Amino acid sequence: MTRREFCKFLFLLPAFGFSLNACQAENNKIICLDSEEILFKQKIKWAINNSLAKKPLNIIILELAKSFLDAPYEAATLDLYNQETERLIINLHSYDCFTFVETVLALARCIKKQKTNFADYKRELEFIRYRNGKLNNYESRLHYFSEWILNGSQKRIVKLINGSDLIQKPIFYLSQNAERAKNNQIIEQSERRLSQVKLPSFNCSSLQNTSQLALLKEGDIIGFTSNIEGLDINHVGFLIKKPDQSLSFIHASSRNQKVEIYKDNLADYCSSLKSNKGILVARSY
């Protein structure tokens, strides 16, 4: 998946009319949307009051994800505010599916490590979002979810869960569709490397299999593998159990324009869209 290309520009401005000048850039690397630090502190206070740091990381992730229910969807946030210079975009108000996953994961890791300063969150988010944890330029951003997982494994942020299938396909969507990526040798090199990688996955039909479902747990990060040429992943979210104990997922939905829990089960969603082939699953350390 290209990090943002599958998300259309449905909004030209954030839902709450943020000012990009609300927080001063630090060494030309940070943009803080208005009141993000206040929201961060509110989440930390809520986590402390609920003793979240004592819980397993997957439960922290799950509780945090649910705390964002009904937050508004906003497409392509990173590309909207990153034009000539790549900056660390921090937005705790609205999300596309990928920034929702990154936001929750960065907050969860801060809470688990009891790092409660906003500067800690900035460092954690940069570490998660960029290749080898370092923001250098547009090319250093992990645009493809499969590379995000692979690099996250190297950084010991996540580990892949082995499904019954292996997927491998030519990856080229970003370099053919994003203006900043066209004729970009670093992006093209990344795509060639990803095209050679075989990743363990679960196909849609295997999600009806009890033994395969037993390998998954709440809080796991999932990416729906794509049947679209050149694209690795269509959509991402976190696994969650419904009241009947069937697995579903929580995500930032472009269709319903908010963070929500999908109403049916995981297998139903996977098989309902022709663009879906299966899922990749990553578990946070």
Protein backbone atom coordinates (compact mmCIF):
# COMPACT_ATOMS: atom_id res chain seq x y z
CA MET A 1 0.00 0.00 0.00
CA THR A 2 1.13 3.55 -0.56
CA ARG A 3 0.70 5.18 2.78
CA ARG A 4 -1.85 7.68 1.58
CA GLU A 5 -2.58 7.16 -2.10
CA PHE A 6 -5.54 4.89 -1.51
CA CYS A 7 -7.09 7.65 0.61
CA LYS A 8 -8.80 10.32 -1.47
CA PHE A 9 -8.71 14.01 -0.61
CA LEU A 10 -12.21 14.27 0.88
CA PHE A 11 -11.37 17.31 2.99
CA LEU A 12 -9.22 20.31 2.16
CA LEU A 13 -8.94 21.45 5.77
CA PRO A 14 -9.02 19.67 9.13
CA ALA A 15 -12.41 19.25 10.69
CA PHE A 16 -11.79 21.73 13.50
CA GLY A 17 -10.05 24.45 11.51
CA PHE A 18 -6.60 23.98 13.01
CA SER A 19 -3.91 26.59 12.61
CA LEU A 20 -0.57 25.24 11.39
CA ASN A 21 1.16 28.12 13.16
CA ALA A 22 -0.21 27.17 16.58
CA CYS A 23 3.07 25.42 17.46
CA GLN A 24 6.38 26.72 16.22
CA ALA A 25 8.44 24.39 14.06
CA GLU A 26 11.52 22.98 15.75
CA ASN A 27 14.53 22.89 13.44
CA ASN A 28 12.07 22.93 10.55
CA LYS A 29 10.98 19.40 11.43
CA ILE A 30 7.81 19.64 13.50
CA ILE A 31 4.33 20.91 12.74
CA CYS A 32 1.92 20.88 15.65
CA LEU A 33 -1.72 21.32 14.75
CA ASP A 34 -3.58 23.54 17.19
CA SER A 35 -4.12 22.08 20.69
CA GLU A 36 -2.44 18.72 19.97
CA GLU A 37 -0.31 18.93 23.12
CA ILE A 38 -3.43 19.59 25.20
CA LEU A 39 -5.09 16.50 23.75
CA PHE A 40 -1.95 14.46 24.38
CA LYS A 41 -1.91 15.52 28.04
CA GLN A 42 -5.59 14.63 28.36
CA LYS A 43 -4.91 11.13 27.03
CA ILE A 44 -1.96 10.67 29.40
CA LYS A 45 -4.07 11.81 32.38
CA TRP A 46 -6.84 9.41 31.33
CA ALA A 47 -4.30 6.57 31.02
CA ILE A 48 -2.86 7.27 34.47
CA ASN A 49 -6.34 7.43 36.05
CA ASN A 50 -7.14 4.04 34.51
CA SER A 51 -3.75 2.46 35.37
CA LEU A 52 -3.21 1.54 31.72
CA ALA A 53 0.57 1.25 32.05
CA LYS A 54 0.10 -1.89 34.18
CA LYS A 55 -1.83 -3.66 31.41
CA PRO A 56 -0.40 -5.65 28.47
CA LEU A 57 0.49 -3.54 25.45
CA ASN A 58 -2.24 -5.04 23.26
CA ILE A 59 -4.87 -4.05 25.84
CA ILE A 60 -3.45 -0.52 26.08
CA ILE A 61 -3.70 -0.30 22.29
CA LEU A 62 -7.27 -1.57 22.35
CA GLU A 63 -8.43 0.81 25.09
CA LEU A 64 -6.77 3.77 23.38
CA ALA A 65 -8.27 2.89 20.02
CA LYS A 66 -11.75 2.74 21.56
CA SER A 67 -11.18 6.12 23.22
CA PHE A 68 -11.02 7.64 19.72
CA LEU A 69 -14.38 6.24 18.59
CA ASP A 70 -16.33 8.76 16.48
CA ALA A 71 -13.28 10.95 15.89
CA PRO A 72 -13.55 12.38 12.36
CA TYR A 73 -11.92 10.86 9.33
CA GLU A 74 -9.57 13.05 7.31
CA ALA A 75 -7.84 11.76 4.20
CA ALA A 76 -4.16 12.13 3.34
CA THR A 77 -3.22 14.31 6.31
CA LEU A 78 0.51 13.82 5.86
CA ASP A 79 0.55 14.75 2.19
CA LEU A 80 -1.84 17.66 2.71
CA TYR A 81 0.55 19.38 5.13
CA ASN A 82 3.81 18.02 3.74
CA GLN A 83 4.62 19.72 0.46
CA GLU A 84 8.20 20.76 -0.33
CA THR A 85 9.65 19.96 3.10
CA GLU A 86 8.86 16.77 5.00
CA ARG A 87 7.82 17.50 8.58
CA LEU A 88 6.51 15.40 11.43
CA ILE A 89 2.74 15.94 11.26
CA ILE A 90 1.02 15.53 14.62
CA ASN A 91 -2.77 15.39 14.50
CA LEU A 92 -4.76 14.02 17.43
CA HIS A 93 -8.07 15.33 16.11
CA SER A 94 -8.71 13.48 12.84
CA TYR A 95 -7.28 10.51 10.97
CA ASP A 96 -6.97 8.44 7.87
CA CYS A 97 -6.69 4.70 8.51
CA PHE A 98 -2.89 4.73 8.62
CA THR A 99 -2.40 7.79 10.83
CA PHE A 100 -4.99 6.31 13.22
CA VAL A 101 -2.85 3.19 13.63
CA GLU A 102 0.35 5.22 14.06
CA THR A 103 -1.24 7.62 16.56
CA VAL A 104 -2.65 4.87 18.77
CA LEU A 105 0.55 2.82 18.64
CA ALA A 106 2.78 5.80 19.51
CA LEU A 107 0.54 6.76 22.44
CA ALA A 108 0.37 3.17 23.66
CA ARG A 109 4.15 2.80 23.63
CA CYS A 110 4.55 6.06 25.55
CA ILE A 111 2.02 4.95 28.15
CA LYS A 112 3.58 1.51 28.57
CA LYS A 113 7.04 3.05 29.02
CA GLN A 114 5.55 5.77 31.26
CA LYS A 115 6.89 8.53 29.05
CA THR A 116 4.48 11.37 29.64
CA ASN A 117 6.08 14.39 27.94
CA PHE A 118 4.88 15.62 24.55
CA ALA A 119 8.50 15.51 23.34
CA ASP A 120 8.48 11.77 24.11
CA TYR A 121 5.42 11.33 21.91
CA LYS A 122 7.04 13.25 19.05
CA ARG A 123 10.11 11.01 19.21
CA GLU A 124 7.96 7.86 19.36
CA LEU A 125 5.86 8.92 16.39
CA GLU A 126 8.95 9.75 14.32
CA PHE A 127 10.50 6.41 15.28
CA ILE A 128 7.39 4.54 14.08
CA ARG A 129 6.68 6.53 10.90
CA TYR A 130 10.12 6.82 9.30
CA ARG A 131 12.65 4.35 7.98
CA ASN A 132 15.03 3.31 10.76
CA GLY A 133 13.26 5.81 13.03
CA LYS A 134 14.73 8.94 11.47
CA LEU A 135 12.94 11.71 9.57
CA ASN A 136 15.22 12.91 6.78
CA ASN A 137 12.96 13.68 3.83
CA TYR A 138 9.88 12.48 1.92
CA GLU A 139 11.72 9.32 0.90
CA SER A 140 12.43 8.40 4.52
CA ARG A 141 8.71 8.06 5.26
CA LEU A 142 7.50 4.45 5.23
CA HIS A 143 4.89 4.89 2.50
CA TYR A 144 4.03 1.21 2.03
CA PHE A 145 2.43 -0.68 4.90
CA SER A 146 4.42 -3.82 4.12
CA GLU A 147 7.68 -1.86 4.45
CA TRP A 148 6.30 -0.22 7.58
CA ILE A 149 5.89 -3.70 9.09
CA LEU A 150 9.28 -4.95 7.90
CA ASN A 151 11.11 -1.89 9.19
CA GLY A 152 9.04 -2.00 12.36
CA SER A 153 10.24 -5.56 12.88
CA GLN A 154 13.85 -4.41 12.58
CA LYS A 155 13.15 -1.64 15.12
CA ARG A 156 11.44 -4.20 17.41
CA ILE A 157 8.15 -2.31 17.31
CA VAL A 158 6.10 -5.12 15.79
CA LYS A 159 6.48 -8.73 14.66
CA LEU A 160 4.67 -10.50 11.82
CA ILE A 161 2.22 -13.26 12.67
CA ASN A 162 2.58 -16.24 10.33
CA GLY A 163 -0.54 -17.10 8.39
CA SER A 164 -1.00 -20.08 6.10
CA ASP A 165 -0.19 -18.15 2.90
CA LEU A 166 2.75 -16.23 1.46
CA ILE A 167 2.18 -13.16 -0.68
CA GLN A 168 4.56 -11.61 -3.17
CA LYS A 169 3.69 -9.20 -5.98
CA PRO A 170 5.19 -6.34 -8.01
CA ILE A 171 4.91 -3.06 -6.09
CA PHE A 172 4.85 0.19 -8.07
CA TYR A 173 1.69 2.10 -7.18
CA LEU A 174 3.37 5.10 -5.53
CA SER A 175 5.94 5.80 -8.23
CA GLN A 176 3.25 5.66 -10.91
CA ASN A 177 0.58 7.72 -9.14
CA ALA A 178 2.13 10.24 -6.74
CA GLU A 179 3.78 13.31 -8.27
CA ARG A 180 6.48 13.49 -5.59
CA ALA A 181 7.35 9.84 -6.16
CA LYS A 182 7.55 9.81 -9.95
CA ASN A 183 11.12 9.41 -11.22
CA ASN A 184 12.24 9.21 -7.60
CA GLN A 185 15.05 6.66 -7.51
CA ILE A 186 14.87 6.04 -3.76
CA ILE A 187 11.14 5.30 -3.92
CA GLU A 188 11.62 3.06 -6.93
CA GLN A 189 14.41 1.18 -5.16
CA SER A 190 12.13 0.61 -2.17
CA GLU A 191 9.43 -0.71 -4.49
CA ARG A 192 11.85 -3.13 -6.16
CA ARG A 193 12.95 -4.46 -2.77
CA LEU A 194 9.36 -4.93 -1.63
CA SER A 195 8.54 -6.73 -4.89
CA GLN A 196 11.04 -9.43 -3.94
CA VAL A 197 9.72 -10.04 -0.43
CA LYS A 198 7.42 -12.92 0.50
CA LEU A 199 5.23 -12.08 3.47
CA PRO A 200 3.15 -14.49 5.58
CA SER A 201 -0.54 -13.70 5.35
CA PHE A 202 -4.05 -15.00 5.94
CA ASN A 203 -6.32 -15.26 2.90
CA CYS A 204 -9.98 -14.28 3.28
CA SER A 205 -11.24 -17.86 3.37
CA SER A 206 -8.77 -18.81 6.14
CA LEU A 207 -10.45 -16.25 8.39
CA GLN A 208 -13.31 -18.73 8.69
CA ASN A 209 -10.85 -21.32 10.04
CA THR A 210 -10.83 -21.69 13.82
CA SER A 211 -7.18 -22.76 13.95
CA GLN A 212 -6.10 -19.71 11.93
CA LEU A 213 -8.22 -17.32 13.99
CA ALA A 214 -6.63 -18.74 17.15
CA LEU A 215 -3.33 -17.19 16.02
CA LEU A 216 -4.81 -13.69 16.24
CA LYS A 217 -5.58 -11.56 19.27
CA GLU A 218 -7.14 -8.22 20.11
CA GLY A 219 -4.91 -5.22 19.51
CA ASP A 220 -3.09 -6.84 16.58
CA ILE A 221 -2.50 -4.49 13.65
CA ILE A 222 -4.03 -5.73 10.40
CA GLY A 223 -3.61 -4.67 6.80
CA PHE A 224 -5.96 -5.93 4.10
CA THR A 225 -3.81 -7.25 1.27
CA SER A 226 -4.71 -5.86 -2.12
CA ASN A 227 -5.73 -7.32 -5.47
CA ILE A 228 -5.05 -3.92 -7.06
CA GLU A 229 -2.00 -3.95 -9.35
CA GLY A 230 1.10 -2.42 -7.79
CA LEU A 231 -0.50 -2.00 -4.34
CA ASP A 232 0.27 -4.07 -1.25
CA ILE A 233 -2.43 -3.03 1.25
CA ASN A 234 -5.86 -1.43 0.88
CA HIS A 235 -6.77 -0.58 4.46
CA VAL A 236 -5.50 -0.94 8.05
CA GLY A 237 -6.88 -1.13 11.58
CA PHE A 238 -6.74 -3.01 14.92
CA LEU A 239 -8.37 -6.34 15.73
CA ILE A 240 -11.12 -6.27 18.33
CA LYS A 241 -13.58 -8.83 19.69
CA LYS A 242 -17.29 -8.15 19.42
CA PRO A 243 -19.70 -9.05 22.27
CA ASP A 244 -20.31 -12.44 20.61
CA GLN A 245 -16.51 -13.02 20.73
CA SER A 246 -16.13 -12.95 16.93
CA LEU A 247 -13.22 -10.92 15.59
CA SER A 248 -13.83 -7.58 13.93
CA PHE A 249 -11.66 -4.46 13.68
CA ILE A 250 -11.57 -0.82 14.74
CA HIS A 251 -10.47 1.65 12.08
CA ALA A 252 -10.77 5.14 10.61
CA SER A 253 -13.48 4.62 8.00
CA SER A 254 -13.52 6.71 4.82
CA ARG A 255 -17.02 5.43 4.05
CA ASN A 256 -18.55 6.54 7.35
CA GLN A 257 -16.12 9.41 7.95
CA LYS A 258 -15.19 8.48 11.50
CA VAL A 259 -13.32 6.05 13.73
CA GLU A 260 -15.58 3.06 14.29
CA ILE A 261 -15.81 -0.66 15.00
CA TYR A 262 -16.81 -2.54 11.87
CA LYS A 263 -20.34 -3.87 12.42
CA ASP A 264 -19.77 -7.39 11.01
CA ASN A 265 -16.89 -9.81 11.48
CA LEU A 266 -13.42 -9.74 9.97
CA ALA A 267 -14.03 -12.53 7.46
CA ASP A 268 -17.17 -10.81 6.16
CA TYR A 269 -15.31 -7.57 5.48
CA CYS A 270 -12.38 -9.35 3.87
CA SER A 271 -14.53 -11.29 1.43
CA SER A 272 -17.01 -8.47 0.74
CA LEU A 273 -14.58 -6.37 -1.31
CA LYS A 274 -13.05 -7.60 -4.57
CA SER A 275 -9.97 -5.48 -3.87
CA ASN A 276 -9.18 -7.56 -0.75
CA LYS A 277 -7.13 -10.74 -0.92
CA GLY A 278 -6.48 -11.38 2.76
CA ILE A 279 -4.70 -9.78 5.72
CA LEU A 280 -1.20 -9.18 7.06
CA VAL A 281 -1.03 -9.22 10.86
CA ALA A 282 1.56 -7.48 13.03
CA ARG A 283 1.74 -7.70 16.82
CA SER A 284 3.26 -4.94 18.92
CA TYR A 285 6.05 -5.69 21.37
